């Protein structure tokens, strides 16, 4: 079951979401994991760290999944 992350803005950038959801410890770690193709957005590999994640999107890293609402 995916954790739910509530945002109060229109979107959050992928690297910021990984930090906000505590899936990574730092922005540098988020950047590297995204560049290495380890992050899935809605089931597809995403290598754009500035990708806009909006409510309803699912982000997965290392078997952990979060859904933005």
PDB file of N, CA and C in Angstrom:
ATOM      1  N   UNK A   1       0.853  -1.195   0.000  1.00  0.00           N
ATOM      2  CA  UNK A   1       0.000   0.000   0.000  1.00  0.00           C
ATOM      3  C   UNK A   1       0.889   1.246   0.000  1.00  0.00           C
ATOM      4  N   UNK A   2       0.524   2.188  -0.807  1.00  0.00           N
ATOM      5  CA  UNK A   2       1.307   3.417  -0.951  1.00  0.00           C
ATOM      6  C   UNK A   2       0.995   4.391   0.188  1.00  0.00           C
ATOM      7  N   UNK A   3       2.036   5.076   0.629  1.00  0.00           N
ATOM      8  CA  UNK A   3       1.830   6.175   1.564  1.00  0.00           C
ATOM      9  C   UNK A   3       1.219   7.334   0.790  1.00  0.00           C
ATOM     10  N   UNK A   4       0.481   8.167   1.488  1.00  0.00           N
ATOM     11  CA  UNK A   4      -0.120   9.335   0.844  1.00  0.00           C
ATOM     12  C   UNK A   4       0.583  10.583   1.347  1.00  0.00           C
ATOM     13  N   UNK A   5       0.928  11.452   0.405  1.00  0.00           N
ATOM     14  CA  UNK A   5       1.581  12.716   0.723  1.00  0.00           C
ATOM     15  C   UNK A   5       0.660  13.834   0.253  1.00  0.00           C
ATOM     16  N   UNK A   6       0.263  14.702   1.165  1.00  0.00           N
ATOM     17  CA  UNK A   6      -0.633  15.805   0.803  1.00  0.00           C
ATOM     18  C   UNK A   6       0.197  17.057   0.518  1.00  0.00           C
ATOM     19  N   UNK A   7      -0.063  17.656  -0.632  1.00  0.00           N
ATOM     20  CA  UNK A   7       0.589  18.927  -0.947  1.00  0.00           C
ATOM     21  C   UNK A   7      -0.474  20.012  -1.013  1.00  0.00           C
ATOM     22  N   UNK A   8      -0.058  21.236  -0.744  1.00  0.00           N
ATOM     23  CA  UNK A   8      -1.017  22.341  -0.730  1.00  0.00           C
ATOM     24  C   UNK A   8      -0.788  23.279  -1.910  1.00  0.00           C
ATOM     25  N   UNK A   9       0.097  22.874  -2.824  1.00  0.00           N
ATOM     26  CA  UNK A   9       0.383  23.660  -4.013  1.00  0.00           C
ATOM     27  C   UNK A   9      -0.088  22.885  -5.235  1.00  0.00           C
ATOM     28  N   UNK A  10      -0.012  23.514  -6.396  1.00  0.00           N
ATOM     29  CA  UNK A  10      -0.467  22.868  -7.635  1.00  0.00           C
ATOM     30  C   UNK A  10       0.385  21.646  -7.965  1.00  0.00           C
ATOM     31  N   UNK A  11       1.677  21.735  -7.678  1.00  0.00           N
ATOM     32  CA  UNK A  11       2.585  20.624  -7.960  1.00  0.00           C
ATOM     33  C   UNK A  11       3.795  20.713  -7.033  1.00  0.00           C
ATOM     34  N   UNK A  12       4.597  19.639  -7.016  1.00  0.00           N
ATOM     35  CA  UNK A  12       5.871  19.622  -6.300  1.00  0.00           C
ATOM     36  C   UNK A  12       6.869  18.960  -7.245  1.00  0.00           C
ATOM     37  N   UNK A  13       8.091  19.459  -7.271  1.00  0.00           N
ATOM     38  CA  UNK A  13       9.094  18.865  -8.156  1.00  0.00           C
ATOM     39  C   UNK A  13       9.531  17.510  -7.595  1.00  0.00           C
ATOM     40  N   UNK A  14       9.874  16.618  -8.503  1.00  0.00           N
ATOM     41  CA  UNK A  14      10.188  15.237  -8.123  1.00  0.00           C
ATOM     42  C   UNK A  14      11.265  15.154  -7.061  1.00  0.00           C
ATOM     43  N   UNK A  15      12.374  15.876  -7.221  1.00  0.00           N
ATOM     44  CA  UNK A  15      13.447  15.782  -6.230  1.00  0.00           C
ATOM     45  C   UNK A  15      12.992  16.283  -4.857  1.00  0.00           C
ATOM     46  N   UNK A  16      12.173  17.334  -4.854  1.00  0.00           N
ATOM     47  CA  UNK A  16      11.660  17.868  -3.590  1.00  0.00           C
ATOM     48  C   UNK A  16      10.694  16.882  -2.937  1.00  0.00           C
ATOM     49  N   UNK A  17       9.895  16.188  -3.749  1.00  0.00           N
ATOM     50  CA  UNK A  17       8.950  15.208  -3.205  1.00  0.00           C
ATOM     51  C   UNK A  17       9.701  14.065  -2.529  1.00  0.00           C
ATOM     52  N   UNK A  18      10.779  13.601  -3.142  1.00  0.00           N
ATOM     53  CA  UNK A  18      11.538  12.496  -2.546  1.00  0.00           C
ATOM     54  C   UNK A  18      12.060  12.884  -1.164  1.00  0.00           C
ATOM     55  N   UNK A  19      12.502  14.131  -1.017  1.00  0.00           N
ATOM     56  CA  UNK A  19      12.966  14.604   0.297  1.00  0.00           C
ATOM     57  C   UNK A  19      11.781  14.780   1.245  1.00  0.00           C
ATOM     58  N   UNK A  20      10.707  15.406   0.759  1.00  0.00           N
ATOM     59  CA  UNK A  20       9.527  15.683   1.583  1.00  0.00           C
ATOM     60  C   UNK A  20       8.918  14.390   2.125  1.00  0.00           C
ATOM     61  N   UNK A  21       8.949  13.326   1.305  1.00  0.00           N
ATOM     62  CA  UNK A  21       8.374  12.040   1.704  1.00  0.00           C
ATOM     63  C   UNK A  21       9.365  11.185   2.486  1.00  0.00           C
ATOM     64  N   UNK A  22      10.559  11.724   2.742  1.00  0.00           N
ATOM     65  CA  UNK A  22      11.616  11.023   3.484  1.00  0.00           C
ATOM     66  C   UNK A  22      12.064   9.738   2.794  1.00  0.00           C
ATOM     67  N   UNK A  23      12.002   9.709   1.456  1.00  0.00           N
ATOM     68  CA  UNK A  23      12.504   8.555   0.711  1.00  0.00           C
ATOM     69  C   UNK A  23      14.010   8.672   0.499  1.00  0.00           C
ATOM     70  N   UNK A  24      14.539   9.895   0.614  1.00  0.00           N
ATOM     71  CA  UNK A  24      15.980  10.140   0.518  1.00  0.00           C
ATOM     72  C   UNK A  24      16.372  11.094   1.640  1.00  0.00           C
ATOM     73  N   UNK A  25      17.680  11.130   1.924  1.00  0.00           N
ATOM     74  CA  UNK A  25      18.154  11.986   3.000  1.00  0.00           C
ATOM     75  C   UNK A  25      18.599  13.357   2.556  1.00  0.00           C
ATOM     76  N   UNK A  26      18.864  13.508   1.239  1.00  0.00           N
ATOM     77  CA  UNK A  26      19.375  14.793   0.772  1.00  0.00           C
ATOM     78  C   UNK A  26      18.991  15.031  -0.681  1.00  0.00           C
ATOM     79  N   UNK A  27      19.100  16.281  -1.087  1.00  0.00           N
ATOM     80  CA  UNK A  27      18.829  16.626  -2.480  1.00  0.00           C
ATOM     81  C   UNK A  27      19.820  15.976  -3.426  1.00  0.00           C
ATOM     82  N   UNK A  28      21.066  15.863  -2.982  1.00  0.00           N
ATOM     83  CA  UNK A  28      22.082  15.221  -3.802  1.00  0.00           C
ATOM     84  C   UNK A  28      21.773  13.757  -4.046  1.00  0.00           C
ATOM     85  N   UNK A  29      21.295  13.091  -2.999  1.00  0.00           N
ATOM     86  CA  UNK A  29      20.915  11.680  -3.132  1.00  0.00           C
ATOM     87  C   UNK A  29      19.731  11.545  -4.096  1.00  0.00           C
ATOM     88  N   UNK A  30      18.749  12.442  -3.969  1.00  0.00           N
ATOM     89  CA  UNK A  30      17.590  12.425  -4.867  1.00  0.00           C
ATOM     90  C   UNK A  30      18.043  12.608  -6.313  1.00  0.00           C
ATOM     91  N   UNK A  31      18.907  13.587  -6.548  1.00  0.00           N
ATOM     92  CA  UNK A  31      19.400  13.869  -7.899  1.00  0.00           C
ATOM     93  C   UNK A  31      20.063  12.634  -8.504  1.00  0.00           C
ATOM     94  N   UNK A  32      20.932  11.987  -7.718  1.00  0.00           N
ATOM     95  CA  UNK A  32      21.662  10.820  -8.222  1.00  0.00           C
ATOM     96  C   UNK A  32      20.720   9.662  -8.544  1.00  0.00           C
ATOM     97  N   UNK A  33      19.783   9.376  -7.651  1.00  0.00           N
ATOM     98  CA  UNK A  33      18.850   8.271  -7.870  1.00  0.00           C
ATOM     99  C   UNK A  33      17.972   8.521  -9.096  1.00  0.00           C
ATOM    100  N   UNK A  34      17.553   9.771  -9.280  1.00  0.00           N
ATOM    101  CA  UNK A  34      16.743  10.116 -10.449  1.00  0.00           C
ATOM    102  C   UNK A  34      17.572   9.947 -11.715  1.00  0.00           C
ATOM    103  N   UNK A  35      18.799  10.473 -11.724  1.00  0.00           N
ATOM    104  CA  UNK A  35      19.671  10.356 -12.899  1.00  0.00           C
ATOM    105  C   UNK A  35      19.986   8.905 -13.224  1.00  0.00           C
ATOM    106  N   UNK A  36      20.059   8.057 -12.201  1.00  0.00           N
ATOM    107  CA  UNK A  36      20.376   6.639 -12.397  1.00  0.00           C
ATOM    108  C   UNK A  36      19.161   5.823 -12.844  1.00  0.00           C
ATOM    109  N   UNK A  37      17.998   6.481 -12.985  1.00  0.00           N
ATOM    110  CA  UNK A  37      16.805   5.785 -13.454  1.00  0.00           C
ATOM    111  C   UNK A  37      16.158   4.893 -12.407  1.00  0.00           C
ATOM    112  N   UNK A  38      16.362   5.212 -11.134  1.00  0.00           N
ATOM    113  CA  UNK A  38      15.832   4.370 -10.054  1.00  0.00           C
ATOM    114  C   UNK A  38      14.449   4.814  -9.576  1.00  0.00           C
ATOM    115  N   UNK A  39      13.946   5.939 -10.118  1.00  0.00           N
ATOM    116  CA  UNK A  39      12.675   6.491  -9.647  1.00  0.00           C
ATOM    117  C   UNK A  39      11.610   6.304 -10.727  1.00  0.00           C
ATOM    118  N   UNK A  40      10.456   5.781 -10.308  1.00  0.00           N
ATOM    119  CA  UNK A  40       9.331   5.604 -11.223  1.00  0.00           C
ATOM    120  C   UNK A  40       8.255   6.628 -10.898  1.00  0.00           C
ATOM    121  N   UNK A  41       7.696   7.226 -11.936  1.00  0.00           N
ATOM    122  CA  UNK A  41       6.550   8.124 -11.788  1.00  0.00           C
ATOM    123  C   UNK A  41       5.420   7.501 -12.587  1.00  0.00           C
ATOM    124  N   UNK A  42       4.334   7.165 -11.902  1.00  0.00           N
ATOM    125  CA  UNK A  42       3.186   6.501 -12.525  1.00  0.00           C
ATOM    126  C   UNK A  42       3.617   5.253 -13.308  1.00  0.00           C
ATOM    127  N   UNK A  43       4.564   4.501 -12.719  1.00  0.00           N
ATOM    128  CA  UNK A  43       4.983   3.236 -13.299  1.00  0.00           C
ATOM    129  C   UNK A  43       6.057   3.320 -14.366  1.00  0.00           C
ATOM    130  N   UNK A  44       6.519   4.523 -14.698  1.00  0.00           N
ATOM    131  CA  UNK A  44       7.538   4.678 -15.734  1.00  0.00           C
ATOM    132  C   UNK A  44       8.771   5.374 -15.158  1.00  0.00           C
ATOM    133  N   UNK A  45       9.946   4.932 -15.625  1.00  0.00           N
ATOM    134  CA  UNK A  45      11.202   5.551 -15.177  1.00  0.00           C
ATOM    135  C   UNK A  45      11.189   7.035 -15.548  1.00  0.00           C
ATOM    136  N   UNK A  46      11.591   7.874 -14.609  1.00  0.00           N
ATOM    137  CA  UNK A  46      11.671   9.313 -14.858  1.00  0.00           C
ATOM    138  C   UNK A  46      13.066   9.788 -14.485  1.00  0.00           C
ATOM    139  N   UNK A  47      13.754  10.436 -15.435  1.00  0.00           N
ATOM    140  CA  UNK A  47      15.103  10.937 -15.147  1.00  0.00           C
ATOM    141  C   UNK A  47      15.145  12.470 -15.102  1.00  0.00           C
ATOM    142  N   UNK A  48      13.969  13.100 -15.008  1.00  0.00           N
ATOM    143  CA  UNK A  48      13.886  14.570 -14.911  1.00  0.00           C
ATOM    144  C   UNK A  48      13.622  14.943 -13.448  1.00  0.00           C
ATOM    145  N   UNK A  49      14.650  15.464 -12.772  1.00  0.00           N
ATOM    146  CA  UNK A  49      14.459  15.745 -11.342  1.00  0.00           C
ATOM    147  C   UNK A  49      13.501  16.901 -11.098  1.00  0.00           C
ATOM    148  N   UNK A  50      13.312  17.759 -12.101  1.00  0.00           N
ATOM    149  CA  UNK A  50      12.384  18.878 -11.946  1.00  0.00           C
ATOM    150  C   UNK A  50      10.978  18.568 -12.422  1.00  0.00           C
ATOM    151  N   UNK A  51      10.698  17.290 -12.708  1.00  0.00           N
ATOM    152  CA  UNK A  51       9.364  16.900 -13.186  1.00  0.00           C
ATOM    153  C   UNK A  51       8.316  17.356 -12.186  1.00  0.00           C
ATOM    154  N   UNK A  52       7.255  17.942 -12.697  1.00  0.00           N
ATOM    155  CA  UNK A  52       6.176  18.419 -11.834  1.00  0.00           C
ATOM    156  C   UNK A  52       5.274  17.250 -11.459  1.00  0.00           C
ATOM    157  N   UNK A  53       5.197  16.976 -10.170  1.00  0.00           N
ATOM    158  CA  UNK A  53       4.361  15.902  -9.651  1.00  0.00           C
ATOM    159  C   UNK A  53       3.099  16.553  -9.101  1.00  0.00           C
ATOM    160  N   UNK A  54       1.966  16.077  -9.597  1.00  0.00           N
ATOM    161  CA  UNK A  54       0.677  16.675  -9.233  1.00  0.00           C
ATOM    162  C   UNK A  54      -0.176  15.674  -8.454  1.00  0.00           C
ATOM    163  N   UNK A  55      -1.215  16.152  -7.778  1.00  0.00           N
ATOM    164  CA  UNK A  55      -2.097  15.220  -7.062  1.00  0.00           C
ATOM    165  C   UNK A  55      -2.583  14.108  -7.992  1.00  0.00           C
ATOM    166  N   UNK A  56      -2.544  12.883  -7.465  1.00  0.00           N
ATOM    167  CA  UNK A  56      -2.937  11.712  -8.243  1.00  0.00           C
ATOM    168  C   UNK A  56      -1.741  10.948  -8.794  1.00  0.00           C
ATOM    169  N   UNK A  57      -0.572  11.598  -8.855  1.00  0.00           N
ATOM    170  CA  UNK A  57       0.627  10.925  -9.356  1.00  0.00           C
ATOM    171  C   UNK A  57       1.180   9.974  -8.290  1.00  0.00           C
ATOM    172  N   UNK A  58       1.776   8.863  -8.764  1.00  0.00           N
ATOM    173  CA  UNK A  58       2.419   7.886  -7.895  1.00  0.00           C
ATOM    174  C   UNK A  58       3.920   7.905  -8.167  1.00  0.00           C
ATOM    175  N   UNK A  59       4.699   7.928  -7.111  1.00  0.00           N
ATOM    176  CA  UNK A  59       6.166   7.929  -7.227  1.00  0.00           C
ATOM    177  C   UNK A  59       6.695   6.732  -6.444  1.00  0.00           C
ATOM    178  N   UNK A  60       7.598   5.964  -7.072  1.00  0.00           N
ATOM    179  CA  UNK A  60       8.132   4.770  -6.441  1.00  0.00           C
ATOM    180  C   UNK A  60       9.653   4.790  -6.468  1.00  0.00           C
ATOM    181  N   UNK A  61      10.242   4.379  -5.349  1.00  0.00           N
ATOM    182  CA  UNK A  61      11.696   4.284  -5.226  1.00  0.00           C
ATOM    183  C   UNK A  61      12.024   3.108  -4.325  1.00  0.00           C
ATOM    184  N   UNK A  62      12.755   2.160  -4.857  1.00  0.00           N
ATOM    185  CA  UNK A  62      13.210   1.029  -4.047  1.00  0.00           C
ATOM    186  C   UNK A  62      12.108   0.261  -3.367  1.00  0.00           C
ATOM    187  N   UNK A  63      10.977   0.089  -4.052  1.00  0.00           N
ATOM    188  CA  UNK A  63       9.872  -0.670  -3.478  1.00  0.00           C
ATOM    189  C   UNK A  63       8.950   0.147  -2.584  1.00  0.00           C
ATOM    190  N   UNK A  64       9.336   1.383  -2.288  1.00  0.00           N
ATOM    191  CA  UNK A  64       8.471   2.265  -1.500  1.00  0.00           C
ATOM    192  C   UNK A  64       7.704   3.149  -2.468  1.00  0.00           C
ATOM    193  N   UNK A  65       6.414   3.289  -2.234  1.00  0.00           N
ATOM    194  CA  UNK A  65       5.577   4.076  -3.133  1.00  0.00           C
ATOM    195  C   UNK A  65       4.817   5.141  -2.360  1.00  0.00           C
ATOM    196  N   UNK A  66       4.733   6.329  -2.963  1.00  0.00           N
ATOM    197  CA  UNK A  66       3.918   7.394  -2.368  1.00  0.00           C
ATOM    198  C   UNK A  66       2.957   7.901  -3.430  1.00  0.00           C
ATOM    199  N   UNK A  67       1.777   8.259  -3.004  1.00  0.00           N
ATOM    200  CA  UNK A  67       0.774   8.855  -3.873  1.00  0.00           C
ATOM    201  C   UNK A  67       0.534  10.276  -3.397  1.00  0.00           C
ATOM    202  N   UNK A  68       0.584  11.203  -4.338  1.00  0.00           N
ATOM    203  CA  UNK A  68       0.381  12.613  -3.992  1.00  0.00           C
ATOM    204  C   UNK A  68      -1.104  12.928  -4.058  1.00  0.00           C
ATOM    205  N   UNK A  69      -1.569  13.647  -3.050  1.00  0.00           N
ATOM    206  CA  UNK A  69      -2.978  14.074  -3.063  1.00  0.00           C
ATOM    207  C   UNK A  69      -3.102  15.525  -2.699  1.00  0.00           C
TER     208      UNK A  69
END
